[in-house]
């Protein structure tokens, strides 16, 4: 089950679209801080213990460099097979400052 990756430039175009839910799966206190867009903070360690209720059908996950967001997408896809999950390619490190 491959998770599609979304490029940083595409992410910037859709980050404020209310049909997408954006989730930061980094652990608490990780830097850099995410700014300039709305998101939920659900660390991967918590996600593995408790699957959240997701309202949107399209979910973009991000982490520091793009690995944990792929893991998180796999976890969520098992719980929500009818929803679409995307991982931010290269993580927050690839986003330009907002």
PDB file of N, CA and C in Angstrom:
ATOM      1  N   UNK A   1       0.855  -1.177   0.000  1.00  0.00           N
ATOM      2  CA  UNK A   1       0.000   0.000   0.000  1.00  0.00           C
ATOM      3  C   UNK A   1       0.899   1.238   0.000  1.00  0.00           C
ATOM      4  N   UNK A   2       1.036   1.843  -1.146  1.00  0.00           N
ATOM      5  CA  UNK A   2       1.886   3.023  -1.272  1.00  0.00           C
ATOM      6  C   UNK A   2       1.090   4.285  -0.982  1.00  0.00           C
ATOM      7  N   UNK A   3       1.712   5.164  -0.215  1.00  0.00           N
ATOM      8  CA  UNK A   3       1.102   6.451   0.102  1.00  0.00           C
ATOM      9  C   UNK A   3       1.608   7.483  -0.892  1.00  0.00           C
ATOM     10  N   UNK A   4       0.713   8.186  -1.572  1.00  0.00           N
ATOM     11  CA  UNK A   4       1.172   9.237  -2.473  1.00  0.00           C
ATOM     12  C   UNK A   4       1.844  10.363  -1.687  1.00  0.00           C
ATOM     13  N   UNK A   5       2.904  10.893  -2.268  1.00  0.00           N
ATOM     14  CA  UNK A   5       3.571  12.030  -1.645  1.00  0.00           C
ATOM     15  C   UNK A   5       3.157  13.295  -2.380  1.00  0.00           C
ATOM     16  N   UNK A   6       2.997  14.348  -1.615  1.00  0.00           N
ATOM     17  CA  UNK A   6       2.625  15.635  -2.177  1.00  0.00           C
ATOM     18  C   UNK A   6       3.858  16.541  -2.112  1.00  0.00           C
ATOM     19  N   UNK A   7       4.126  17.229  -3.188  1.00  0.00           N
ATOM     20  CA  UNK A   7       5.305  18.101  -3.232  1.00  0.00           C
ATOM     21  C   UNK A   7       5.071  19.329  -2.356  1.00  0.00           C
ATOM     22  N   UNK A   8       6.147  19.933  -1.868  1.00  0.00           N
ATOM     23  CA  UNK A   8       5.985  21.167  -1.092  1.00  0.00           C
ATOM     24  C   UNK A   8       5.236  22.256  -1.868  1.00  0.00           C
ATOM     25  N   UNK A   9       5.493  22.379  -3.166  1.00  0.00           N
ATOM     26  CA  UNK A   9       4.804  23.425  -3.943  1.00  0.00           C
ATOM     27  C   UNK A   9       3.307  23.135  -4.048  1.00  0.00           C
ATOM     28  N   UNK A  10       2.934  21.874  -4.237  1.00  0.00           N
ATOM     29  CA  UNK A  10       1.507  21.523  -4.269  1.00  0.00           C
ATOM     30  C   UNK A  10       0.868  21.712  -2.897  1.00  0.00           C
ATOM     31  N   UNK A  11       1.613  21.368  -1.848  1.00  0.00           N
ATOM     32  CA  UNK A  11       1.104  21.567  -0.492  1.00  0.00           C
ATOM     33  C   UNK A  11       0.766  23.033  -0.250  1.00  0.00           C
ATOM     34  N   UNK A  12       1.627  23.933  -0.684  1.00  0.00           N
ATOM     35  CA  UNK A  12       1.387  25.364  -0.480  1.00  0.00           C
ATOM     36  C   UNK A  12       0.119  25.831  -1.190  1.00  0.00           C
ATOM     37  N   UNK A  13      -0.216  25.191  -2.293  1.00  0.00           N
ATOM     38  CA  UNK A  13      -1.430  25.562  -3.033  1.00  0.00           C
ATOM     39  C   UNK A  13      -2.707  25.099  -2.349  1.00  0.00           C
ATOM     40  N   UNK A  14      -2.644  23.993  -1.604  1.00  0.00           N
ATOM     41  CA  UNK A  14      -3.870  23.425  -1.034  1.00  0.00           C
ATOM     42  C   UNK A  14      -3.921  23.452   0.492  1.00  0.00           C
ATOM     43  N   UNK A  15      -2.898  23.966   1.145  1.00  0.00           N
ATOM     44  CA  UNK A  15      -2.809  23.904   2.611  1.00  0.00           C
ATOM     45  C   UNK A  15      -3.989  24.551   3.327  1.00  0.00           C
ATOM     46  N   UNK A  16      -4.637  25.513   2.721  1.00  0.00           N
ATOM     47  CA  UNK A  16      -5.766  26.202   3.353  1.00  0.00           C
ATOM     48  C   UNK A  16      -7.124  25.715   2.856  1.00  0.00           C
ATOM     49  N   UNK A  17      -7.136  24.709   2.009  1.00  0.00           N
ATOM     50  CA  UNK A  17      -8.375  24.157   1.486  1.00  0.00           C
ATOM     51  C   UNK A  17      -9.060  23.358   2.596  1.00  0.00           C
ATOM     52  N   UNK A  18     -10.279  23.727   2.997  1.00  0.00           N
ATOM     53  CA  UNK A  18     -10.948  23.051   4.119  1.00  0.00           C
ATOM     54  C   UNK A  18     -11.312  21.594   3.856  1.00  0.00           C
ATOM     55  N   UNK A  19     -11.227  21.141   2.624  1.00  0.00           N
ATOM     56  CA  UNK A  19     -11.524  19.733   2.359  1.00  0.00           C
ATOM     57  C   UNK A  19     -10.342  18.825   2.726  1.00  0.00           C
ATOM     58  N   UNK A  20      -9.196  19.431   3.061  1.00  0.00           N
ATOM     59  CA  UNK A  20      -8.026  18.673   3.505  1.00  0.00           C
ATOM     60  C   UNK A  20      -7.800  18.890   4.993  1.00  0.00           C
ATOM     61  N   UNK A  21      -7.444  17.826   5.680  1.00  0.00           N
ATOM     62  CA  UNK A  21      -7.006  17.900   7.061  1.00  0.00           C
ATOM     63  C   UNK A  21      -5.499  17.716   7.045  1.00  0.00           C
ATOM     64  N   UNK A  22      -4.769  18.604   7.726  1.00  0.00           N
ATOM     65  CA  UNK A  22      -3.313  18.506   7.798  1.00  0.00           C
ATOM     66  C   UNK A  22      -2.944  18.073   9.219  1.00  0.00           C
ATOM     67  N   UNK A  23      -2.102  17.047   9.324  1.00  0.00           N
ATOM     68  CA  UNK A  23      -1.688  16.518  10.620  1.00  0.00           C
ATOM     69  C   UNK A  23      -0.164  16.486  10.707  1.00  0.00           C
ATOM     70  N   UNK A  24       0.361  17.061  11.781  1.00  0.00           N
ATOM     71  CA  UNK A  24       1.789  17.020  12.107  1.00  0.00           C
ATOM     72  C   UNK A  24       2.003  15.806  13.009  1.00  0.00           C
ATOM     73  N   UNK A  25       2.802  14.832  12.563  1.00  0.00           N
ATOM     74  CA  UNK A  25       3.022  13.626  13.352  1.00  0.00           C
ATOM     75  C   UNK A  25       4.373  13.631  14.074  1.00  0.00           C
ATOM     76  N   UNK A  26       5.030  14.781  14.095  1.00  0.00           N
ATOM     77  CA  UNK A  26       6.299  14.869  14.836  1.00  0.00           C
ATOM     78  C   UNK A  26       6.010  14.828  16.330  1.00  0.00           C
ATOM     79  N   UNK A  27       7.014  14.451  17.090  1.00  0.00           N
ATOM     80  CA  UNK A  27       6.868  14.417  18.541  1.00  0.00           C
ATOM     81  C   UNK A  27       6.869  15.844  19.087  1.00  0.00           C
ATOM     82  N   UNK A  28       6.323  16.018  20.279  1.00  0.00           N
ATOM     83  CA  UNK A  28       6.234  17.339  20.896  1.00  0.00           C
ATOM     84  C   UNK A  28       7.616  17.966  21.024  1.00  0.00           C
ATOM     85  N   UNK A  29       7.701  19.243  20.725  1.00  0.00           N
ATOM     86  CA  UNK A  29       8.940  19.984  20.879  1.00  0.00           C
ATOM     87  C   UNK A  29       9.880  19.924  19.695  1.00  0.00           C
ATOM     88  N   UNK A  30       9.539  19.146  18.668  1.00  0.00           N
ATOM     89  CA  UNK A  30      10.436  19.094  17.503  1.00  0.00           C
ATOM     90  C   UNK A  30      10.409  20.407  16.752  1.00  0.00           C
ATOM     91  N   UNK A  31      11.536  20.772  16.223  1.00  0.00           N
ATOM     92  CA  UNK A  31      11.677  22.015  15.476  1.00  0.00           C
ATOM     93  C   UNK A  31      11.960  21.673  14.021  1.00  0.00           C
ATOM     94  N   UNK A  32      11.739  22.556  13.085  1.00  0.00           N
ATOM     95  CA  UNK A  32      11.183  23.893  13.294  1.00  0.00           C
ATOM     96  C   UNK A  32       9.686  23.834  13.534  1.00  0.00           C
ATOM     97  N   UNK A  33       9.187  24.888  14.165  1.00  0.00           N
ATOM     98  CA  UNK A  33       7.750  24.984  14.375  1.00  0.00           C
ATOM     99  C   UNK A  33       7.056  25.128  13.033  1.00  0.00           C
ATOM    100  N   UNK A  34       5.868  24.565  12.939  1.00  0.00           N
ATOM    101  CA  UNK A  34       5.065  24.722  11.728  1.00  0.00           C
ATOM    102  C   UNK A  34       4.248  25.995  11.884  1.00  0.00           C
ATOM    103  N   UNK A  35       4.361  26.882  10.905  1.00  0.00           N
ATOM    104  CA  UNK A  35       3.640  28.158  10.939  1.00  0.00           C
ATOM    105  C   UNK A  35       3.032  28.437   9.575  1.00  0.00           C
ATOM    106  N   UNK A  36       2.004  29.261   9.571  1.00  0.00           N
ATOM    107  CA  UNK A  36       1.435  29.720   8.310  1.00  0.00           C
ATOM    108  C   UNK A  36       0.289  28.877   7.779  1.00  0.00           C
ATOM    109  N   UNK A  37      -0.110  27.843   8.520  1.00  0.00           N
ATOM    110  CA  UNK A  37      -1.250  27.032   8.100  1.00  0.00           C
ATOM    111  C   UNK A  37      -1.792  26.292   9.326  1.00  0.00           C
ATOM    112  N   UNK A  38      -3.043  25.867   9.215  1.00  0.00           N
ATOM    113  CA  UNK A  38      -3.691  25.155  10.318  1.00  0.00           C
ATOM    114  C   UNK A  38      -3.398  23.660  10.217  1.00  0.00           C
ATOM    115  N   UNK A  39      -3.236  23.030  11.369  1.00  0.00           N
ATOM    116  CA  UNK A  39      -2.975  21.604  11.393  1.00  0.00           C
ATOM    117  C   UNK A  39      -3.308  21.038  12.766  1.00  0.00           C
ATOM    118  N   UNK A  40      -3.483  19.736  12.828  1.00  0.00           N
ATOM    119  CA  UNK A  40      -3.614  19.022  14.091  1.00  0.00           C
ATOM    120  C   UNK A  40      -2.248  18.488  14.469  1.00  0.00           C
ATOM    121  N   UNK A  41      -1.973  18.414  15.744  1.00  0.00           N
ATOM    122  CA  UNK A  41      -0.717  17.849  16.237  1.00  0.00           C
ATOM    123  C   UNK A  41      -1.046  16.506  16.865  1.00  0.00           C
ATOM    124  N   UNK A  42      -0.655  15.418  16.208  1.00  0.00           N
ATOM    125  CA  UNK A  42      -0.846  14.074  16.735  1.00  0.00           C
ATOM    126  C   UNK A  42       0.479  13.333  16.544  1.00  0.00           C
ATOM    127  N   UNK A  43       1.334  13.315  17.559  1.00  0.00           N
ATOM    128  CA  UNK A  43       2.619  12.621  17.423  1.00  0.00           C
ATOM    129  C   UNK A  43       2.417  11.158  17.016  1.00  0.00           C
ATOM    130  N   UNK A  44       3.329  10.655  16.209  1.00  0.00           N
ATOM    131  CA  UNK A  44       3.233   9.279  15.738  1.00  0.00           C
ATOM    132  C   UNK A  44       3.110   8.298  16.900  1.00  0.00           C
ATOM    133  N   UNK A  45       3.816   8.538  17.986  1.00  0.00           N
ATOM    134  CA  UNK A  45       3.742   7.630  19.138  1.00  0.00           C
ATOM    135  C   UNK A  45       2.324   7.554  19.707  1.00  0.00           C
ATOM    136  N   UNK A  46       1.594   8.670  19.675  1.00  0.00           N
ATOM    137  CA  UNK A  46       0.202   8.670  20.142  1.00  0.00           C
ATOM    138  C   UNK A  46      -0.725   8.049  19.107  1.00  0.00           C
ATOM    139  N   UNK A  47      -0.441   8.297  17.848  1.00  0.00           N
ATOM    140  CA  UNK A  47      -1.263   7.761  16.764  1.00  0.00           C
ATOM    141  C   UNK A  47      -1.249   6.238  16.785  1.00  0.00           C
ATOM    142  N   UNK A  48      -0.107   5.660  17.129  1.00  0.00           N
ATOM    143  CA  UNK A  48       0.004   4.204  17.170  1.00  0.00           C
ATOM    144  C   UNK A  48      -0.814   3.608  18.317  1.00  0.00           C
ATOM    145  N   UNK A  49      -1.128   4.419  19.333  1.00  0.00           N
ATOM    146  CA  UNK A  49      -1.899   3.943  20.480  1.00  0.00           C
ATOM    147  C   UNK A  49      -3.395   4.178  20.316  1.00  0.00           C
ATOM    148  N   UNK A  50      -3.765   5.256  19.633  1.00  0.00           N
ATOM    149  CA  UNK A  50      -5.164   5.649  19.546  1.00  0.00           C
ATOM    150  C   UNK A  50      -5.437   6.341  18.211  1.00  0.00           C
ATOM    151  N   UNK A  51      -6.299   5.766  17.417  1.00  0.00           N
ATOM    152  CA  UNK A  51      -6.644   6.328  16.108  1.00  0.00           C
ATOM    153  C   UNK A  51      -7.678   7.435  16.304  1.00  0.00           C
ATOM    154  N   UNK A  52      -7.393   8.642  15.798  1.00  0.00           N
ATOM    155  CA  UNK A  52      -8.354   9.742  15.957  1.00  0.00           C
ATOM    156  C   UNK A  52      -9.547   9.609  15.014  1.00  0.00           C
ATOM    157  N   UNK A  53     -10.608  10.310  15.338  1.00  0.00           N
ATOM    158  CA  UNK A  53     -11.755  10.413  14.445  1.00  0.00           C
ATOM    159  C   UNK A  53     -11.421  11.465  13.394  1.00  0.00           C
ATOM    160  N   UNK A  54     -11.548  11.097  12.141  1.00  0.00           N
ATOM    161  CA  UNK A  54     -11.221  12.009  11.045  1.00  0.00           C
ATOM    162  C   UNK A  54     -12.493  12.381  10.294  1.00  0.00           C
ATOM    163  N   UNK A  55     -12.749  13.666  10.175  1.00  0.00           N
ATOM    164  CA  UNK A  55     -13.940  14.136   9.468  1.00  0.00           C
ATOM    165  C   UNK A  55     -13.692  14.274   7.960  1.00  0.00           C
ATOM    166  N   UNK A  56     -12.535  14.809   7.588  1.00  0.00           N
ATOM    167  CA  UNK A  56     -12.238  15.022   6.170  1.00  0.00           C
ATOM    168  C   UNK A  56     -11.873  13.706   5.489  1.00  0.00           C
ATOM    169  N   UNK A  57     -12.128  13.670   4.179  1.00  0.00           N
ATOM    170  CA  UNK A  57     -11.811  12.480   3.393  1.00  0.00           C
ATOM    171  C   UNK A  57     -10.398  12.521   2.829  1.00  0.00           C
ATOM    172  N   UNK A  58      -9.748  13.690   2.903  1.00  0.00           N
ATOM    173  CA  UNK A  58      -8.396  13.838   2.387  1.00  0.00           C
ATOM    174  C   UNK A  58      -7.506  14.373   3.505  1.00  0.00           C
ATOM    175  N   UNK A  59      -6.426  13.647   3.775  1.00  0.00           N
ATOM    176  CA  UNK A  59      -5.562  13.977   4.899  1.00  0.00           C
ATOM    177  C   UNK A  59      -4.118  14.068   4.422  1.00  0.00           C
ATOM    178  N   UNK A  60      -3.468  15.170   4.770  1.00  0.00           N
ATOM    179  CA  UNK A  60      -2.050  15.356   4.477  1.00  0.00           C
ATOM    180  C   UNK A  60      -1.293  15.255   5.794  1.00  0.00           C
ATOM    181  N   UNK A  61      -0.301  14.383   5.824  1.00  0.00           N
ATOM    182  CA  UNK A  61       0.508  14.192   7.020  1.00  0.00           C
ATOM    183  C   UNK A  61       1.908  14.742   6.762  1.00  0.00           C
ATOM    184  N   UNK A  62       2.504  15.329   7.808  1.00  0.00           N
ATOM    185  CA  UNK A  62       3.888  15.765   7.655  1.00  0.00           C
ATOM    186  C   UNK A  62       4.668  15.492   8.930  1.00  0.00           C
ATOM    187  N   UNK A  63       5.967  15.380   8.758  1.00  0.00           N
ATOM    188  CA  UNK A  63       6.883  15.184   9.879  1.00  0.00           C
ATOM    189  C   UNK A  63       8.137  15.999   9.571  1.00  0.00           C
ATOM    190  N   UNK A  64       9.249  15.626  10.129  1.00  0.00           N
ATOM    191  CA  UNK A  64      10.476  16.389   9.937  1.00  0.00           C
ATOM    192  C   UNK A  64      11.041  16.205   8.524  1.00  0.00           C
ATOM    193  N   UNK A  65      11.206  14.945   8.107  1.00  0.00           N
ATOM    194  CA  UNK A  65      11.842  14.685   6.814  1.00  0.00           C
ATOM    195  C   UNK A  65      11.024  13.798   5.878  1.00  0.00           C
ATOM    196  N   UNK A  66       9.837  13.393   6.288  1.00  0.00           N
ATOM    197  CA  UNK A  66       8.958  12.654   5.389  1.00  0.00           C
ATOM    198  C   UNK A  66       8.855  11.163   5.616  1.00  0.00           C
ATOM    199  N   UNK A  67       9.551  10.610   6.609  1.00  0.00           N
ATOM    200  CA  UNK A  67       9.496   9.167   6.849  1.00  0.00           C
ATOM    201  C   UNK A  67       8.343   8.804   7.786  1.00  0.00           C
ATOM    202  N   UNK A  68       8.250   9.472   8.915  1.00  0.00           N
ATOM    203  CA  UNK A  68       7.182   9.147   9.878  1.00  0.00           C
ATOM    204  C   UNK A  68       5.798   9.438   9.314  1.00  0.00           C
ATOM    205  N   UNK A  69       5.687  10.427   8.453  1.00  0.00           N
ATOM    206  CA  UNK A  69       4.375  10.712   7.859  1.00  0.00           C
ATOM    207  C   UNK A  69       3.923   9.560   6.954  1.00  0.00           C
ATOM    208  N   UNK A  70       4.858   8.876   6.311  1.00  0.00           N
ATOM    209  CA  UNK A  70       4.509   7.698   5.509  1.00  0.00           C
ATOM    210  C   UNK A  70       4.033   6.562   6.416  1.00  0.00           C
ATOM    211  N   UNK A  71       4.688   6.386   7.554  1.00  0.00           N
ATOM    212  CA  UNK A  71       4.274   5.363   8.520  1.00  0.00           C
ATOM    213  C   UNK A  71       2.878   5.686   9.050  1.00  0.00           C
ATOM    214  N   UNK A  72       2.670   6.957   9.411  1.00  0.00           N
ATOM    215  CA  UNK A  72       1.370   7.388   9.932  1.00  0.00           C
ATOM    216  C   UNK A  72       0.265   7.174   8.899  1.00  0.00           C
ATOM    217  N   UNK A  73       0.554   7.465   7.652  1.00  0.00           N
ATOM    218  CA  UNK A  73      -0.444   7.269   6.597  1.00  0.00           C
ATOM    219  C   UNK A  73      -0.836   5.801   6.494  1.00  0.00           C
ATOM    220  N   UNK A  74       0.133   4.904   6.626  1.00  0.00           N
ATOM    221  CA  UNK A  74      -0.168   3.473   6.582  1.00  0.00           C
ATOM    222  C   UNK A  74      -1.065   3.045   7.733  1.00  0.00           C
ATOM    223  N   UNK A  75      -0.793   3.579   8.912  1.00  0.00           N
ATOM    224  CA  UNK A  75      -1.613   3.263  10.092  1.00  0.00           C
ATOM    225  C   UNK A  75      -3.048   3.747   9.889  1.00  0.00           C
ATOM    226  N   UNK A  76      -3.186   4.986   9.441  1.00  0.00           N
ATOM    227  CA  UNK A  76      -4.520   5.564   9.262  1.00  0.00           C
ATOM    228  C   UNK A  76      -5.275   4.913   8.107  1.00  0.00           C
ATOM    229  N   UNK A  77      -4.565   4.518   7.067  1.00  0.00           N
ATOM    230  CA  UNK A  77      -5.223   3.891   5.914  1.00  0.00           C
ATOM    231  C   UNK A  77      -5.870   2.569   6.314  1.00  0.00           C
ATOM    232  N   UNK A  78      -5.254   1.852   7.249  1.00  0.00           N
ATOM    233  CA  UNK A  78      -5.856   0.598   7.735  1.00  0.00           C
ATOM    234  C   UNK A  78      -7.158   0.875   8.481  1.00  0.00           C
ATOM    235  N   UNK A  79      -7.198   1.977   9.230  1.00  0.00           N
ATOM    236  CA  UNK A  79      -8.397   2.336   9.992  1.00  0.00           C
ATOM    237  C   UNK A  79      -9.462   2.979   9.106  1.00  0.00           C
ATOM    238  N   UNK A  80      -9.026   3.691   8.085  1.00  0.00           N
ATOM    239  CA  UNK A  80      -9.935   4.428   7.192  1.00  0.00           C
ATOM    240  C   UNK A  80      -9.606   4.105   5.737  1.00  0.00           C
ATOM    241  N   UNK A  81      -9.944   2.918   5.263  1.00  0.00           N
ATOM    242  CA  UNK A  81      -9.573   2.537   3.892  1.00  0.00           C
ATOM    243  C   UNK A  81     -10.235   3.377   2.800  1.00  0.00           C
ATOM    244  N   UNK A  82     -11.330   4.063   3.126  1.00  0.00           N
ATOM    245  CA  UNK A  82     -12.029   4.855   2.112  1.00  0.00           C
ATOM    246  C   UNK A  82     -11.555   6.306   2.033  1.00  0.00           C
ATOM    247  N   UNK A  83     -10.615   6.685   2.883  1.00  0.00           N
ATOM    248  CA  UNK A  83     -10.098   8.057   2.865  1.00  0.00           C
ATOM    249  C   UNK A  83      -8.768   8.099   2.116  1.00  0.00           C
ATOM    250  N   UNK A  84      -8.396   9.287   1.671  1.00  0.00           N
ATOM    251  CA  UNK A  84      -7.141   9.473   0.940  1.00  0.00           C
ATOM    252  C   UNK A  84      -6.105  10.112   1.845  1.00  0.00           C
ATOM    253  N   UNK A  85      -4.922   9.527   1.876  1.00  0.00           N
ATOM    254  CA  UNK A  85      -3.834  10.026   2.712  1.00  0.00           C
ATOM    255  C   UNK A  85      -2.641  10.377   1.839  1.00  0.00           C
ATOM    256  N   UNK A  86      -2.005  11.488   2.185  1.00  0.00           N
ATOM    257  CA  UNK A  86      -0.844  11.979   1.462  1.00  0.00           C
ATOM    258  C   UNK A  86       0.245  12.316   2.472  1.00  0.00           C
ATOM    259  N   UNK A  87       1.488  12.146   2.061  1.00  0.00           N
ATOM    260  CA  UNK A  87       2.626  12.510   2.892  1.00  0.00           C
ATOM    261  C   UNK A  87       3.354  13.674   2.227  1.00  0.00           C
ATOM    262  N   UNK A  88       3.721  14.671   3.027  1.00  0.00           N
ATOM    263  CA  UNK A  88       4.479  15.807   2.498  1.00  0.00           C
ATOM    264  C   UNK A  88       5.890  15.339   2.174  1.00  0.00           C
ATOM    265  N   UNK A  89       6.232  15.335   0.913  1.00  0.00           N
ATOM    266  CA  UNK A  89       7.537  14.841   0.452  1.00  0.00           C
ATOM    267  C   UNK A  89       8.665  15.673   1.051  1.00  0.00           C
ATOM    268  N   UNK A  90       9.566  14.994   1.734  1.00  0.00           N
ATOM    269  CA  UNK A  90      10.710  15.671   2.341  1.00  0.00           C
ATOM    270  C   UNK A  90      10.397  16.322   3.671  1.00  0.00           C
ATOM    271  N   UNK A  91       9.146  16.247   4.110  1.00  0.00           N
ATOM    272  CA  UNK A  91       8.761  16.809   5.402  1.00  0.00           C
ATOM    273  C   UNK A  91       8.812  18.321   5.460  1.00  0.00           C
ATOM    274  N   UNK A  92       8.709  18.814   6.676  1.00  0.00           N
ATOM    275  CA  UNK A  92       8.669  20.262   6.891  1.00  0.00           C
ATOM    276  C   UNK A  92       9.996  20.929   6.509  1.00  0.00           C
ATOM    277  N   UNK A  93      11.051  20.130   6.460  1.00  0.00           N
ATOM    278  CA  UNK A  93      12.364  20.675   6.059  1.00  0.00           C
ATOM    279  C   UNK A  93      12.348  21.218   4.633  1.00  0.00           C
ATOM    280  N   UNK A  94      11.461  20.682   3.800  1.00  0.00           N
ATOM    281  CA  UNK A  94      11.395  21.111   2.389  1.00  0.00           C
ATOM    282  C   UNK A  94      10.483  22.309   2.148  1.00  0.00           C
ATOM    283  N   UNK A  95       9.700  22.670   3.164  1.00  0.00           N
ATOM    284  CA  UNK A  95       8.812  23.827   2.979  1.00  0.00           C
ATOM    285  C   UNK A  95       9.593  25.121   3.106  1.00  0.00           C
ATOM    286  N   UNK A  96       9.318  26.085   2.231  1.00  0.00           N
ATOM    287  CA  UNK A  96       9.935  27.404   2.420  1.00  0.00           C
ATOM    288  C   UNK A  96       9.304  28.089   3.633  1.00  0.00           C
ATOM    289  N   UNK A  97       9.989  29.043   4.229  1.00  0.00           N
ATOM    290  CA  UNK A  97       9.404  29.760   5.370  1.00  0.00           C
ATOM    291  C   UNK A  97       8.085  30.419   4.965  1.00  0.00           C
ATOM    292  N   UNK A  98       7.085  30.297   5.824  1.00  0.00           N
ATOM    293  CA  UNK A  98       5.770  30.900   5.545  1.00  0.00           C
ATOM    294  C   UNK A  98       5.559  32.115   6.395  1.00  0.00           C
TER     295      UNK A  98
END
